[in-house]
């Protein structure tokens, strides 16, 4: 910014000085009838054309400096050494899916966003996290994935502290479908197997069929080899979500996390997604971050969060009978 603040004004001042010199000298020559008005205008035009590429060069110089500053920060981050990945403890484990949060506190910017979270999830249990925006639903999932260090408490996986596992091991056993599904540029096949050569063509097709996406893929001109634009721009929201389900199932994780978002999806696709969800969650510990309460009525347990605390817990009908926050949220959506 300092270079740009100096370089660009210098070019502009030089241009104006050059124009002023032409006006002063050329004006005198016209008065003395030594040159014509047309020749004077031509020189003004030449001066504009002379400084135009210099202006463009100064603009490109600014972009280059900005890119170099950004690249420097990226490479600094890539070179950063971290001890949190615990590579020495990676052992290729297959987790059962038991999760327990014991008195966990998490702080952002000196403010606690999770307060004394006590939550135990049995292997194969299906739970939903509900609450207003900022209640702490995504923070719980991020802690499970090892994204942030928490300040107090303990997280247990299969009865062992989270620190007993390598972070890579934990993430290999967790399949997550986010609210905004990301598809990489490449092919449909690439987006399902994600460079895992152990997944065969037959397994991939079986998984795609199981989550109701194979029919859509078979209708594409290139089928599984159909090119995918960055972020899956040529596919609908529902189609991207079904491909993400196939991606998760291909890796057969012990724990499934869904940042549920089925808005802006046609009824037919939503039926396919709900059917795929039931299949994915079968015999698998599942956590759903719920936005639409109509989609979580059949889970084993609903956890209601408010300002980082668990204030209610139970199934759909139990929570409605309590007439607490869940009851208010439910009425707000269906009134």
Protein backbone atom coordinates (compact mmCIF):
# COMPACT_ATOMS: atom_id res chain seq x y z
CA UNK A 1 0.00 0.00 0.00
CA UNK A 2 2.89 2.36 0.75
CA UNK A 3 4.45 1.63 -2.65
CA UNK A 4 1.12 2.14 -4.41
CA UNK A 5 0.43 5.35 -2.46
CA UNK A 6 3.76 6.72 -3.74
CA UNK A 7 3.97 5.23 -7.25
CA UNK A 8 0.48 5.97 -8.61
CA UNK A 9 0.36 9.67 -7.55
CA UNK A 10 3.87 10.12 -9.00
CA UNK A 11 2.62 8.91 -12.42
CA UNK A 12 -0.45 11.18 -12.25
CA UNK A 13 1.60 14.24 -11.23
CA UNK A 14 4.09 13.57 -14.08
CA UNK A 15 1.20 13.35 -16.55
CA UNK A 16 -0.30 16.66 -15.40
CA UNK A 17 3.10 18.41 -15.46
CA UNK A 18 3.70 17.15 -19.02
CA UNK A 19 0.25 18.38 -20.10
CA UNK A 20 0.88 21.78 -18.44
CA UNK A 21 4.24 22.12 -20.29
CA UNK A 22 2.57 21.37 -23.64
CA UNK A 23 -0.20 23.89 -22.91
CA UNK A 24 2.35 26.55 -21.90
CA UNK A 25 4.81 26.01 -24.75
CA UNK A 26 2.27 25.01 -27.41
CA UNK A 27 -0.04 27.89 -26.49
CA UNK A 28 2.83 30.35 -27.02
CA UNK A 29 3.66 28.77 -30.39
CA UNK A 30 0.03 29.12 -31.52
CA UNK A 31 -0.07 32.79 -30.47
CA UNK A 32 3.11 33.39 -32.47
CA UNK A 33 1.47 31.54 -35.35
CA UNK A 34 4.35 29.06 -35.55
CA UNK A 35 2.18 25.92 -35.27
CA UNK A 36 -1.43 25.14 -36.09
CA UNK A 37 -4.16 24.34 -33.55
CA UNK A 38 -4.47 20.86 -35.06
CA UNK A 39 -0.77 20.07 -34.40
CA UNK A 40 -1.22 21.30 -30.81
CA UNK A 41 -4.22 18.94 -30.28
CA UNK A 42 -2.19 16.05 -31.78
CA UNK A 43 0.58 16.59 -29.19
CA UNK A 44 -2.00 16.63 -26.37
CA UNK A 45 -3.35 13.32 -27.72
CA UNK A 46 0.19 11.88 -27.99
CA UNK A 47 0.85 12.78 -24.37
CA UNK A 48 -2.34 10.96 -23.24
CA UNK A 49 -1.37 7.88 -25.25
CA UNK A 50 2.18 8.02 -23.87
CA UNK A 51 1.03 7.89 -20.25
CA UNK A 52 -1.77 5.31 -20.79
CA UNK A 53 0.56 2.23 -20.78
CA UNK A 54 2.50 3.70 -17.85
CA UNK A 55 -0.78 3.97 -15.92
CA UNK A 56 -1.63 0.37 -16.82
CA UNK A 57 1.84 -0.72 -15.74
CA UNK A 58 1.41 0.98 -12.36
CA UNK A 59 -1.94 -0.84 -11.95
CA UNK A 60 -0.35 -4.21 -12.77
CA UNK A 61 2.50 -3.40 -10.40
CA UNK A 62 -0.05 -2.87 -7.61
CA UNK A 63 -1.77 -6.19 -8.37
CA UNK A 64 1.60 -7.97 -8.41
CA UNK A 65 2.58 -6.47 -5.05
CA UNK A 66 -0.78 -7.50 -3.54
CA UNK A 67 -0.42 -11.04 -4.89
CA UNK A 68 3.10 -11.33 -3.50
CA UNK A 69 1.93 -10.16 -0.08
CA UNK A 70 -0.91 -12.70 -0.13
CA UNK A 71 1.39 -15.51 -1.30
CA UNK A 72 3.83 -14.69 1.49
CA UNK A 73 1.09 -15.15 4.09
CA UNK A 74 -0.11 -18.41 2.50
CA UNK A 75 3.40 -19.90 2.44
CA UNK A 76 3.98 -18.77 6.04
CA UNK A 77 0.84 -20.65 7.05
CA UNK A 78 1.83 -23.77 5.06
CA UNK A 79 5.25 -23.76 6.73
CA UNK A 80 3.72 -23.40 10.19
CA UNK A 81 4.59 -26.34 12.41
CA UNK A 82 1.79 -27.71 14.58
CA UNK A 83 1.81 -30.25 17.34
CA UNK A 84 -1.94 -30.78 17.31
CA UNK A 85 -1.97 -33.39 14.54
CA UNK A 86 -0.32 -35.98 16.79
CA UNK A 87 1.15 -37.92 13.84
CA UNK A 88 3.00 -40.24 16.21
CA UNK A 89 -0.36 -41.65 17.38
CA UNK A 90 -1.81 -42.37 13.95
CA UNK A 91 -2.53 -46.07 13.72
CA UNK A 92 -5.26 -46.54 11.10
CA UNK A 93 -7.95 -47.29 13.69
CA UNK A 94 -11.57 -48.00 12.85
CA UNK A 95 -13.63 -46.25 15.52
CA UNK A 96 -16.87 -47.59 17.00
CA UNK A 97 -18.42 -44.11 17.19
CA UNK A 98 -18.95 -43.53 20.93
CA UNK A 99 -18.59 -39.82 21.75
CA UNK A 100 -18.61 -38.05 25.10
CA UNK A 101 -18.20 -34.37 25.98
CA UNK A 102 -17.33 -33.85 29.67
CA UNK A 103 -17.72 -30.30 31.05
CA UNK A 104 -16.34 -28.79 27.82
CA UNK A 105 -15.87 -25.02 27.56
CA UNK A 106 -14.84 -23.20 24.36
CA UNK A 107 -13.86 -19.55 24.09
CA UNK A 108 -13.69 -17.23 21.05
CA UNK A 109 -12.15 -13.78 21.54
CA UNK A 110 -12.35 -13.97 25.35
CA UNK A 111 -16.04 -14.93 25.24
CA UNK A 112 -17.26 -18.46 25.98
CA UNK A 113 -19.43 -19.81 23.16
CA UNK A 114 -19.74 -23.30 24.70
CA UNK A 115 -20.34 -23.56 28.43
CA UNK A 116 -20.11 -26.75 30.44
CA UNK A 117 -21.21 -29.08 27.63
CA UNK A 118 -22.00 -32.59 28.91
CA UNK A 119 -23.11 -34.91 26.13
CA UNK A 120 -22.77 -38.66 25.61
CA UNK A 121 -23.60 -40.31 22.29
CA UNK A 122 -23.74 -44.10 22.08
CA UNK A 123 -22.38 -45.98 19.04
CA UNK A 124 -25.03 -45.96 16.30
CA UNK A 125 -27.17 -43.32 18.04
CA UNK A 126 -28.73 -40.56 15.97
CA UNK A 127 -28.90 -37.11 17.53
CA UNK A 128 -29.83 -33.65 16.31
CA UNK A 129 -28.44 -30.29 17.46
CA UNK A 130 -30.97 -27.45 17.29
CA UNK A 131 -31.01 -23.85 18.45
CA UNK A 132 -30.86 -20.27 17.26
CA UNK A 133 -27.96 -19.03 15.11
CA UNK A 134 -24.87 -18.71 17.30
CA UNK A 135 -26.12 -21.23 19.87
CA UNK A 136 -22.97 -23.36 19.43
CA UNK A 137 -24.14 -26.20 17.17
CA UNK A 138 -21.29 -25.97 14.65
CA UNK A 139 -18.76 -25.34 17.42
CA UNK A 140 -19.52 -28.76 18.95
CA UNK A 141 -18.88 -30.44 15.60
CA UNK A 142 -15.67 -28.45 15.05
CA UNK A 143 -14.36 -29.55 18.44
CA UNK A 144 -15.07 -33.19 17.58
CA UNK A 145 -13.11 -32.77 14.34
CA UNK A 146 -10.20 -31.20 16.24
CA UNK A 147 -10.51 -27.82 14.55
CA UNK A 148 -10.06 -25.75 17.71
CA UNK A 149 -8.42 -26.21 21.12
CA UNK A 150 -10.97 -26.03 23.94
CA UNK A 151 -10.19 -24.38 27.27
CA UNK A 152 -11.82 -26.71 29.83
CA UNK A 153 -13.17 -30.23 30.04
CA UNK A 154 -12.49 -33.37 28.05
CA UNK A 155 -13.70 -35.03 24.85
CA UNK A 156 -13.70 -38.85 24.78
CA UNK A 157 -13.98 -41.03 21.67
CA UNK A 158 -14.61 -44.74 22.21
CA UNK A 159 -13.85 -44.16 25.89
CA UNK A 160 -10.38 -42.70 25.24
CA UNK A 161 -9.32 -39.01 25.35
CA UNK A 162 -9.40 -37.30 21.96
CA UNK A 163 -5.66 -36.66 22.32
CA UNK A 164 -5.02 -40.42 22.28
CA UNK A 165 -5.80 -40.45 18.54
CA UNK A 166 -4.08 -38.66 15.73
CA UNK A 167 -6.21 -35.89 14.22
CA UNK A 168 -5.98 -37.61 10.81
CA UNK A 169 -7.31 -40.82 12.35
CA UNK A 170 -10.31 -38.99 13.84
CA UNK A 171 -11.13 -37.25 10.56
CA UNK A 172 -10.76 -40.48 8.57
CA UNK A 173 -13.55 -41.93 10.72
CA UNK A 174 -15.88 -38.95 10.36
CA UNK A 175 -17.91 -38.27 7.22
CA UNK A 176 -19.34 -34.78 6.93
CA UNK A 177 -21.80 -33.19 4.50
CA UNK A 178 -21.76 -29.43 4.91
CA UNK A 179 -24.52 -26.94 4.28
CA UNK A 180 -22.74 -25.66 1.17
CA UNK A 181 -21.50 -28.83 -0.56
CA UNK A 182 -18.15 -28.34 -2.28
CA UNK A 183 -17.47 -30.23 -5.50
CA UNK A 184 -13.98 -30.07 -6.99
CA UNK A 185 -13.22 -29.53 -10.67
CA UNK A 186 -12.60 -32.92 -12.27
CA UNK A 187 -15.11 -35.71 -12.89
CA UNK A 188 -18.07 -37.10 -10.94
CA UNK A 189 -15.96 -40.17 -10.14
CA UNK A 190 -13.13 -37.99 -8.76
CA UNK A 191 -15.60 -36.25 -6.45
CA UNK A 192 -16.87 -39.54 -5.03
CA UNK A 193 -13.60 -41.45 -4.50
CA UNK A 194 -11.40 -38.38 -3.79
CA UNK A 195 -8.22 -40.04 -5.11
CA UNK A 196 -8.73 -43.18 -3.01
CA UNK A 197 -7.53 -45.95 -5.33
CA UNK A 198 -8.88 -48.63 -2.98
CA UNK A 199 -12.46 -47.80 -3.99
CA UNK A 200 -13.31 -49.91 -7.05
CA UNK A 201 -15.68 -48.96 -9.86
CA UNK A 202 -18.18 -51.56 -8.64
CA UNK A 203 -18.13 -50.20 -5.08
CA UNK A 204 -18.55 -46.65 -6.34
CA UNK A 205 -21.54 -47.61 -8.51
CA UNK A 206 -23.09 -49.58 -5.64
CA UNK A 207 -22.76 -46.60 -3.29
CA UNK A 208 -24.18 -44.20 -5.88
CA UNK A 209 -27.14 -46.52 -6.39
CA UNK A 210 -27.66 -46.85 -2.63
CA UNK A 211 -27.96 -43.08 -2.08
CA UNK A 212 -30.25 -42.54 -5.10
CA UNK A 213 -27.74 -40.57 -7.21
CA UNK A 214 -26.86 -43.21 -9.82
CA UNK A 215 -29.94 -42.50 -11.97
CA UNK A 216 -28.94 -38.83 -12.21
CA UNK A 217 -25.31 -39.74 -13.02
CA UNK A 218 -26.31 -42.31 -15.68
CA UNK A 219 -28.34 -39.60 -17.45
CA UNK A 220 -25.23 -37.42 -17.83
CA UNK A 221 -23.45 -37.62 -21.23
CA UNK A 222 -20.19 -38.81 -19.66
CA UNK A 223 -21.83 -40.70 -16.76
CA UNK A 224 -19.23 -41.13 -13.96
CA UNK A 225 -16.59 -39.49 -16.18
CA UNK A 226 -18.73 -36.37 -16.70
CA UNK A 227 -16.62 -33.21 -16.12
CA UNK A 228 -17.52 -31.20 -13.02
CA UNK A 229 -17.11 -27.44 -12.92
CA UNK A 230 -15.53 -25.79 -9.87
CA UNK A 231 -17.98 -26.01 -6.93
CA UNK A 232 -20.31 -28.11 -9.12
CA UNK A 233 -21.75 -25.00 -10.77
CA UNK A 234 -23.63 -27.05 -13.40
CA UNK A 235 -25.46 -29.19 -10.80
CA UNK A 236 -28.40 -28.29 -8.58
CA UNK A 237 -28.14 -28.05 -4.78
CA UNK A 238 -29.89 -31.40 -4.35
CA UNK A 239 -27.68 -33.16 -6.90
CA UNK A 240 -24.53 -31.85 -5.20
CA UNK A 241 -25.83 -33.07 -1.84
CA UNK A 242 -26.54 -36.57 -3.20
CA UNK A 243 -23.02 -36.76 -4.67
CA UNK A 244 -21.66 -35.71 -1.26
CA UNK A 245 -23.66 -38.54 0.37
CA UNK A 246 -22.07 -41.01 -2.06
CA UNK A 247 -18.65 -39.55 -1.20
CA UNK A 248 -19.25 -40.09 2.52
CA UNK A 249 -20.59 -43.61 2.13
CA UNK A 250 -17.69 -44.65 -0.11
CA UNK A 251 -15.34 -44.06 2.84
CA UNK A 252 -17.66 -45.91 5.27
CA UNK A 253 -17.03 -43.65 8.31
CA UNK A 254 -18.01 -44.61 11.87
CA UNK A 255 -19.48 -41.15 12.50
CA UNK A 256 -21.69 -39.14 10.13
CA UNK A 257 -22.22 -35.38 10.49
CA UNK A 258 -24.80 -33.47 8.46
CA UNK A 259 -25.12 -29.70 8.43
CA UNK A 260 -28.68 -30.17 7.25
CA UNK A 261 -29.89 -27.74 4.62
CA UNK A 262 -32.72 -28.89 2.37
CA UNK A 263 -34.18 -25.47 1.54
CA UNK A 264 -34.48 -24.47 -2.12
CA UNK A 265 -34.80 -28.14 -3.14
CA UNK A 266 -37.73 -29.51 -5.13
CA UNK A 267 -40.00 -32.07 -3.45
CA UNK A 268 -38.83 -35.03 -5.55
CA UNK A 269 -35.15 -34.40 -4.75
CA UNK A 270 -35.94 -33.87 -1.07
CA UNK A 271 -37.62 -37.29 -0.95
CA UNK A 272 -34.48 -38.86 -2.48
CA UNK A 273 -32.27 -37.00 0.05
CA UNK A 274 -34.39 -38.11 3.02
CA UNK A 275 -34.28 -41.72 1.81
CA UNK A 276 -30.49 -41.50 1.35
CA UNK A 277 -30.14 -40.02 4.85
CA UNK A 278 -31.97 -42.96 6.45
CA UNK A 279 -29.61 -45.37 4.66
CA UNK A 280 -26.45 -43.45 5.58
CA UNK A 281 -27.38 -43.13 9.25
CA UNK A 282 -28.18 -46.84 9.62
CA UNK A 283 -25.78 -48.50 12.15
CA UNK A 284 -23.69 -45.31 12.24
CA UNK A 285 -23.32 -42.62 14.92
CA UNK A 286 -25.00 -39.59 13.37
CA UNK A 287 -25.09 -35.91 14.31
CA UNK A 288 -27.44 -33.59 12.43
CA UNK A 289 -27.19 -29.82 12.74
CA UNK A 290 -30.85 -29.09 12.15
CA UNK A 291 -32.32 -26.01 10.52
CA UNK A 292 -35.71 -27.43 9.59
CA UNK A 293 -37.28 -29.25 12.53
CA UNK A 294 -39.52 -31.32 10.24
CA UNK A 295 -36.48 -33.34 9.12
CA UNK A 296 -35.36 -34.53 12.57
CA UNK A 297 -38.53 -35.89 14.15
CA UNK A 298 -37.32 -39.49 13.85
CA UNK A 299 -33.86 -39.12 15.47
CA UNK A 300 -33.17 -40.85 18.80
CA UNK A 301 -32.43 -37.65 20.69
CA UNK A 302 -32.65 -33.90 20.13
CA UNK A 303 -30.19 -31.59 21.92
CA UNK A 304 -31.43 -27.99 22.27
CA UNK A 305 -28.69 -25.37 22.62
CA UNK A 306 -29.08 -21.77 23.75
CA UNK A 307 -26.16 -19.33 24.16
CA UNK A 308 -23.66 -22.19 24.27
CA UNK A 309 -25.49 -24.30 26.87
CA UNK A 310 -27.60 -27.46 26.61
CA UNK A 311 -30.97 -26.46 28.00
CA UNK A 312 -33.21 -29.30 26.75
CA UNK A 313 -32.78 -32.91 25.73
CA UNK A 314 -35.17 -35.63 24.56
CA UNK A 315 -37.05 -36.89 21.52
CA UNK A 316 -39.43 -34.78 19.45
CA UNK A 317 -42.61 -35.53 21.40
CA UNK A 318 -40.97 -35.26 24.83
CA UNK A 319 -39.64 -31.80 23.98
CA UNK A 320 -43.00 -30.63 22.66
CA UNK A 321 -44.62 -31.70 25.94
CA UNK A 322 -42.08 -29.65 27.93
CA UNK A 323 -43.20 -26.51 26.07
CA UNK A 324 -39.73 -24.97 26.30
CA UNK A 325 -37.42 -23.47 23.66
CA UNK A 326 -37.88 -26.40 21.25
CA UNK A 327 -41.65 -25.97 21.47
CA UNK A 328 -41.25 -22.25 20.65
CA UNK A 329 -38.93 -23.00 17.71
CA UNK A 330 -41.33 -25.62 16.38
CA UNK A 331 -44.32 -23.29 16.57
CA UNK A 332 -42.28 -20.49 14.95
CA UNK A 333 -41.55 -22.67 11.91
CA UNK A 334 -45.04 -24.16 11.53
CA UNK A 335 -47.28 -21.31 12.59
